[in-house]
């Protein structure tokens, strides 16, 4: 049997298959175990295999492409409207085929193993940063209950701890001091691991031509550059820079009807981690824009005066996202803005 489109609803053990021809007529339905999935796909000889972009989807797509079978991934949010009646594996697989048959459907680029390696490193760094913040807040909370106030930053905590531990505060008992010292040791261990991940990220950046290219943009450092390249690769899935900015949630949320346009704050769609990195990078550029004479700094100062600091930071993050897409999808190098 030959099918034109084969939709697969992925799972841990049992996968649901739905095969159809180019007109959408159902040709095959079955449940296959994980061990027998590749054998079943080879027997069906599909022209196109489509899966939702979920856990293990990139792994299966790479295996299929290695065997010469075209594989595409589709975002789950684009599949949901095509699910008929109740949600189950059978209906989900059929909905995947229905969604993939639409001529204007957008697909997710299949990530390489190297991209997923650097993404895993970024996820680990993000987890360690959250743990570090939680430990700092825990120590501040314990000391706050004993009348000792410390500013909200790890540096302020480290500066204050020698004086706090050597003080003669009656409420800070020896038992409590011991707990604080243990938490400080744990904090230093987590911070050391964060520093180690930063070194690995910088090493990856030195070996990547794409990362080096976009790191020339003001507000895009090693962490941001490697995270974006790991997520979008060469950005070939985006038609232009605005599509990447919209994918990152850096464009206004729209709710228009009857010819009347209604725009509100940014949509905040897509990867929150990437959006946060771009906005924080933009804030660092805004911090040093005063006194500079280049065209971008002049534009930023005027934008801050007209629209405020936060909107200016988001506008610069949006602009940087567009520039990143243009650089990744072409052979051009970044040209720094000249004097105004």
Protein backbone atom coordinates (compact mmCIF):
# COMPACT_ATOMS: atom_id res chain seq x y z
CA UNK A 1 0.00 0.00 0.00
CA UNK A 2 1.22 3.51 -0.84
CA UNK A 3 -0.15 6.57 0.92
CA UNK A 4 0.48 10.20 0.07
CA UNK A 5 0.36 11.60 3.62
CA UNK A 6 0.91 9.62 6.79
CA UNK A 7 0.04 11.30 10.08
CA UNK A 8 1.51 9.90 13.29
CA UNK A 9 0.25 10.70 16.75
CA UNK A 10 3.38 10.19 18.84
CA UNK A 11 3.40 8.60 22.27
CA UNK A 12 5.78 6.71 24.55
CA UNK A 13 4.79 3.16 23.60
CA UNK A 14 1.82 2.98 21.17
CA UNK A 15 1.65 5.26 18.10
CA UNK A 16 -1.50 5.92 16.04
CA UNK A 17 -1.07 5.99 12.25
CA UNK A 18 -3.45 7.62 9.76
CA UNK A 19 -2.74 7.37 6.04
CA UNK A 20 -4.57 9.25 3.27
CA UNK A 21 -4.23 10.00 -0.44
CA UNK A 22 -3.82 13.46 -1.93
CA UNK A 23 -7.60 13.99 -1.86
CA UNK A 24 -7.86 13.18 1.82
CA UNK A 25 -9.47 9.73 1.44
CA UNK A 26 -8.53 7.40 4.28
CA UNK A 27 -6.31 4.50 3.18
CA UNK A 28 -4.86 3.22 6.43
CA UNK A 29 -5.46 3.30 10.18
CA UNK A 30 -3.51 1.33 12.74
CA UNK A 31 -1.82 1.31 16.14
CA UNK A 32 1.87 0.46 16.16
CA UNK A 33 4.29 -0.17 19.00
CA UNK A 34 7.45 1.87 19.30
CA UNK A 35 9.62 -1.02 18.18
CA UNK A 36 7.57 -1.62 15.03
CA UNK A 37 7.09 2.00 13.92
CA UNK A 38 9.88 2.20 11.34
CA UNK A 39 8.94 -1.18 9.87
CA UNK A 40 5.31 -0.09 9.48
CA UNK A 41 6.30 3.20 7.82
CA UNK A 42 8.62 1.41 5.39
CA UNK A 43 5.82 -1.00 4.43
CA UNK A 44 3.37 1.86 3.77
CA UNK A 45 5.91 3.79 1.62
CA UNK A 46 4.44 7.24 2.34
CA UNK A 47 5.43 10.25 0.28
CA UNK A 48 5.18 12.50 3.33
CA UNK A 49 5.15 11.77 7.07
CA UNK A 50 3.75 14.46 9.38
CA UNK A 51 3.96 14.60 13.18
CA UNK A 52 3.22 17.14 15.85
CA UNK A 53 6.29 19.00 17.10
CA UNK A 54 6.37 17.38 20.52
CA UNK A 55 8.67 15.17 22.57
CA UNK A 56 10.81 12.85 20.37
CA UNK A 57 9.37 14.32 17.14
CA UNK A 58 12.73 15.67 15.94
CA UNK A 59 14.33 12.27 16.63
CA UNK A 60 11.80 10.43 14.47
CA UNK A 61 12.00 13.07 11.74
CA UNK A 62 15.78 12.68 11.55
CA UNK A 63 15.47 8.89 11.34
CA UNK A 64 12.91 9.14 8.55
CA UNK A 65 15.00 11.61 6.58
CA UNK A 66 18.02 9.34 6.94
CA UNK A 67 16.01 6.65 5.12
CA UNK A 68 14.99 9.05 2.33
CA UNK A 69 11.43 9.66 3.58
CA UNK A 70 10.23 13.26 3.67
CA UNK A 71 9.17 14.23 7.19
CA UNK A 72 7.58 17.43 8.47
CA UNK A 73 6.63 18.68 11.92
CA UNK A 74 3.61 20.82 12.63
CA UNK A 75 2.86 22.91 15.69
CA UNK A 76 0.16 21.38 17.96
CA UNK A 77 -1.75 24.68 18.02
CA UNK A 78 -2.34 24.37 14.26
CA UNK A 79 -3.59 20.78 14.62
CA UNK A 80 -6.14 21.39 17.39
CA UNK A 81 -8.77 23.15 15.16
CA UNK A 82 -8.95 20.07 12.92
CA UNK A 83 -9.82 17.60 15.68
CA UNK A 84 -13.37 16.36 15.13
CA UNK A 85 -15.67 15.67 18.11
CA UNK A 86 -13.80 14.01 20.98
CA UNK A 87 -10.05 14.07 21.38
CA UNK A 88 -8.29 10.71 21.15
CA UNK A 89 -5.25 9.26 19.40
CA UNK A 90 -7.22 8.23 16.31
CA UNK A 91 -8.78 11.67 15.85
CA UNK A 92 -5.48 13.38 16.58
CA UNK A 93 -3.68 11.45 13.83
CA UNK A 94 -6.47 12.29 11.38
CA UNK A 95 -6.31 15.95 12.37
CA UNK A 96 -2.56 15.99 11.71
CA UNK A 97 -3.18 14.81 8.14
CA UNK A 98 -5.99 17.36 7.66
CA UNK A 99 -3.80 20.21 8.92
CA UNK A 100 -0.79 19.17 6.84
CA UNK A 101 -2.96 19.10 3.69
CA UNK A 102 -3.66 22.84 3.91
CA UNK A 103 -1.57 24.70 1.28
CA UNK A 104 -0.83 27.65 3.59
CA UNK A 105 0.15 25.56 6.61
CA UNK A 106 3.36 26.45 8.43
CA UNK A 107 5.75 23.76 9.59
CA UNK A 108 8.48 23.50 12.21
CA UNK A 109 12.07 23.04 11.06
CA UNK A 110 13.61 19.72 12.08
CA UNK A 111 16.45 20.32 14.54
CA UNK A 112 19.82 18.68 14.25
CA UNK A 113 21.43 16.78 17.11
CA UNK A 114 23.86 19.68 17.62
CA UNK A 115 20.97 22.14 17.95
CA UNK A 116 19.30 19.96 20.55
CA UNK A 117 22.61 19.63 22.42
CA UNK A 118 22.93 23.39 22.84
CA UNK A 119 19.23 23.67 23.68
CA UNK A 120 19.67 21.09 26.43
CA UNK A 121 22.59 23.15 27.77
CA UNK A 122 20.44 26.28 27.80
CA UNK A 123 17.61 24.48 29.58
CA UNK A 124 20.05 23.27 32.21
CA UNK A 125 21.42 26.80 32.66
CA UNK A 126 17.90 28.19 32.98
CA UNK A 127 17.11 25.59 35.66
CA UNK A 128 20.30 26.41 37.57
CA UNK A 129 19.53 30.14 37.46
CA UNK A 130 16.05 29.47 38.87
CA UNK A 131 17.58 27.36 41.63
CA UNK A 132 20.10 30.09 42.42
CA UNK A 133 17.34 32.69 42.66
CA UNK A 134 15.28 30.40 44.90
CA UNK A 135 18.21 29.81 47.27
CA UNK A 136 18.96 33.53 47.51
CA UNK A 137 15.31 34.31 48.26
CA UNK A 138 15.19 31.51 50.83
CA UNK A 139 18.20 32.88 52.70
CA UNK A 140 16.81 36.42 52.56
CA UNK A 141 13.49 35.16 53.91
CA UNK A 142 15.10 33.28 56.81
CA UNK A 143 17.15 36.32 57.78
CA UNK A 144 14.22 38.67 57.26
CA UNK A 145 12.25 36.79 59.92
CA UNK A 146 15.06 37.73 62.34
CA UNK A 147 15.09 41.42 61.43
CA UNK A 148 17.99 41.28 58.97
CA UNK A 149 17.14 42.89 55.60
CA UNK A 150 19.32 42.20 52.54
CA UNK A 151 18.96 43.73 49.06
CA UNK A 152 17.53 41.67 46.20
CA UNK A 153 20.65 40.47 44.41
CA UNK A 154 23.13 37.60 44.81
CA UNK A 155 26.01 40.08 44.96
CA UNK A 156 24.37 41.98 47.82
CA UNK A 157 23.79 38.71 49.66
CA UNK A 158 27.44 37.64 49.35
CA UNK A 159 28.63 41.08 50.50
CA UNK A 160 26.36 41.09 53.53
CA UNK A 161 26.90 37.51 54.75
CA UNK A 162 30.29 37.95 56.51
CA UNK A 163 28.89 40.76 58.66
CA UNK A 164 25.61 38.91 59.26
CA UNK A 165 27.28 35.68 60.39
CA UNK A 166 29.70 37.51 62.67
CA UNK A 167 27.03 39.70 64.26
CA UNK A 168 25.77 39.18 67.81
CA UNK A 169 22.09 39.17 66.83
CA UNK A 170 20.34 37.22 69.60
CA UNK A 171 17.62 35.92 67.25
CA UNK A 172 20.20 34.50 64.86
CA UNK A 173 20.86 31.30 66.81
CA UNK A 174 23.76 28.93 66.18
CA UNK A 175 21.33 26.43 64.69
CA UNK A 176 20.04 29.03 62.22
CA UNK A 177 23.59 30.15 61.39
CA UNK A 178 24.44 26.55 60.52
CA UNK A 179 21.46 26.33 58.17
CA UNK A 180 22.41 29.59 56.46
CA UNK A 181 26.00 28.41 55.99
CA UNK A 182 24.75 25.17 54.40
CA UNK A 183 22.52 27.12 52.02
CA UNK A 184 25.43 29.42 51.14
CA UNK A 185 27.58 26.42 50.26
CA UNK A 186 24.79 25.07 48.10
CA UNK A 187 24.43 28.49 46.44
CA UNK A 188 28.15 28.62 45.63
CA UNK A 189 27.92 25.13 44.12
CA UNK A 190 25.03 26.16 41.88
CA UNK A 191 26.80 29.37 40.85
CA UNK A 192 29.90 27.35 39.94
CA UNK A 193 27.78 25.13 37.70
CA UNK A 194 26.23 28.20 36.06
CA UNK A 195 29.74 29.52 35.33
CA UNK A 196 30.65 26.12 33.84
CA UNK A 197 27.61 26.19 31.51
CA UNK A 198 28.54 29.73 30.45
CA UNK A 199 31.98 28.49 29.44
CA UNK A 200 30.44 25.68 27.40
CA UNK A 201 28.10 28.16 25.69
CA UNK A 202 31.06 30.39 24.78
CA UNK A 203 32.93 27.38 23.42
CA UNK A 204 29.98 26.48 21.22
CA UNK A 205 29.78 30.08 19.99
CA UNK A 206 33.45 30.10 19.00
CA UNK A 207 32.83 27.05 16.81
CA UNK A 208 29.66 28.37 15.11
CA UNK A 209 29.86 30.82 12.20
CA UNK A 210 26.17 31.71 12.53
CA UNK A 211 26.56 32.57 16.22
CA UNK A 212 29.57 34.76 15.52
CA UNK A 213 27.68 36.60 12.79
CA UNK A 214 24.66 37.59 14.88
CA UNK A 215 26.71 38.28 18.03
CA UNK A 216 27.97 41.43 16.29
CA UNK A 217 24.53 42.98 16.88
CA UNK A 218 24.32 45.30 19.88
CA UNK A 219 22.39 43.51 22.64
CA UNK A 220 23.10 40.00 21.35
CA UNK A 221 25.72 38.18 23.39
CA UNK A 222 26.94 34.60 23.53
CA UNK A 223 23.93 33.29 25.46
CA UNK A 224 21.37 34.96 23.15
CA UNK A 225 23.21 34.06 19.94
CA UNK A 226 23.59 30.37 20.76
CA UNK A 227 20.01 30.08 22.04
CA UNK A 228 18.58 31.56 18.82
CA UNK A 229 20.74 29.46 16.51
CA UNK A 230 19.78 26.35 18.49
CA UNK A 231 16.08 27.22 18.13
CA UNK A 232 15.84 28.42 14.51
CA UNK A 233 19.05 27.29 12.80
CA UNK A 234 19.51 29.29 9.60
CA UNK A 235 15.98 30.81 9.94
CA UNK A 236 15.00 29.43 6.52
CA UNK A 237 11.49 28.61 7.81
CA UNK A 238 10.72 32.33 8.17
CA UNK A 239 9.84 34.39 5.11
CA UNK A 240 11.18 37.63 6.56
CA UNK A 241 12.29 39.25 9.78
CA UNK A 242 8.80 40.18 10.87
CA UNK A 243 7.80 36.51 10.88
CA UNK A 244 10.61 35.73 13.31
CA UNK A 245 9.64 38.69 15.52
CA UNK A 246 6.02 37.49 15.49
CA UNK A 247 7.11 33.93 16.30
CA UNK A 248 8.95 35.30 19.32
CA UNK A 249 5.89 37.26 20.46
CA UNK A 250 7.49 40.68 19.94
CA UNK A 251 4.70 42.16 17.79
CA UNK A 252 1.40 43.74 18.93
CA UNK A 253 -1.50 41.45 19.72
CA UNK A 254 -4.29 42.13 17.24
CA UNK A 255 -8.05 41.82 17.64
CA UNK A 256 -9.55 43.59 14.61
CA UNK A 257 -13.00 43.33 13.09
CA UNK A 258 -15.23 45.27 10.71
CA UNK A 259 -12.31 47.12 9.18
CA UNK A 260 -11.35 48.61 12.54
CA UNK A 261 -7.83 47.78 13.66
CA UNK A 262 -7.27 47.10 17.37
CA UNK A 263 -3.72 46.60 18.58
CA UNK A 264 -2.67 46.02 22.18
CA UNK A 265 0.52 44.91 23.93
CA UNK A 266 2.94 42.34 22.54
CA UNK A 267 1.45 38.90 21.93
CA UNK A 268 4.06 37.05 24.08
CA UNK A 269 3.74 33.99 21.86
CA UNK A 270 6.52 31.53 21.14
CA UNK A 271 9.60 30.87 23.22
CA UNK A 272 9.56 32.95 26.40
CA UNK A 273 13.24 32.22 27.04
CA UNK A 274 14.38 33.70 23.70
CA UNK A 275 12.08 36.70 24.06
CA UNK A 276 13.44 37.40 27.54
CA UNK A 277 17.05 37.23 26.33
CA UNK A 278 16.39 39.66 23.49
CA UNK A 279 14.58 42.15 25.73
CA UNK A 280 17.28 42.01 28.42
CA UNK A 281 19.90 42.54 25.72
CA UNK A 282 17.95 45.54 24.46
CA UNK A 283 17.85 46.99 28.00
CA UNK A 284 21.64 46.79 28.19
CA UNK A 285 21.90 48.76 24.93
CA UNK A 286 19.46 51.39 26.21
CA UNK A 287 21.53 51.79 29.35
CA UNK A 288 24.52 53.04 27.35
CA UNK A 289 22.66 54.89 24.57
CA UNK A 290 22.98 58.28 26.27
CA UNK A 291 25.86 60.33 24.89
CA UNK A 292 26.41 58.20 21.77
CA UNK A 293 26.13 59.82 18.35
CA UNK A 294 25.25 56.84 16.13
CA UNK A 295 21.87 56.69 14.40
CA UNK A 296 20.52 53.85 16.54
CA UNK A 297 21.34 55.56 19.83
CA UNK A 298 19.68 58.77 18.63
CA UNK A 299 16.60 56.78 17.60
CA UNK A 300 16.50 55.03 20.97
CA UNK A 301 16.75 58.27 22.95
CA UNK A 302 13.90 59.78 20.97
CA UNK A 303 11.86 56.61 21.38
CA UNK A 304 12.37 56.57 25.16
CA UNK A 305 11.26 60.21 25.38
CA UNK A 306 8.21 59.55 23.22
CA UNK A 307 7.06 56.08 24.29
CA UNK A 308 8.89 55.18 27.49
CA UNK A 309 11.77 52.93 28.50
CA UNK A 310 9.99 49.55 28.39
CA UNK A 311 8.42 50.10 24.96
CA UNK A 312 11.76 51.24 23.61
CA UNK A 313 13.39 48.04 24.90
CA UNK A 314 10.75 45.88 23.21
CA UNK A 315 11.06 47.90 19.98
CA UNK A 316 14.81 47.32 19.92
CA UNK A 317 14.32 43.61 20.66
CA UNK A 318 11.88 43.46 17.73
CA UNK A 319 14.38 45.21 15.49
CA UNK A 320 17.19 42.88 16.56
CA UNK A 321 15.01 39.85 15.81
CA UNK A 322 14.44 41.13 12.27
CA UNK A 323 18.14 41.77 11.77
CA UNK A 324 18.95 38.30 13.09
CA UNK A 325 16.61 36.67 10.55
CA UNK A 326 18.17 38.67 7.72
CA UNK A 327 21.71 37.67 8.76
CA UNK A 328 20.94 33.99 9.34
CA UNK A 329 19.14 33.56 6.02
CA UNK A 330 21.76 35.32 3.88
CA UNK A 331 25.51 35.71 3.39
CA UNK A 332 25.51 39.34 4.53
CA UNK A 333 27.52 40.54 7.51
CA UNK A 334 26.18 42.92 10.13
CA UNK A 335 26.83 46.61 9.38
CA UNK A 336 26.92 48.69 12.55
CA UNK A 337 24.81 51.89 12.34
CA UNK A 338 26.89 54.94 11.49
CA UNK A 339 26.81 58.43 12.95
CA UNK A 340 23.51 60.26 12.86
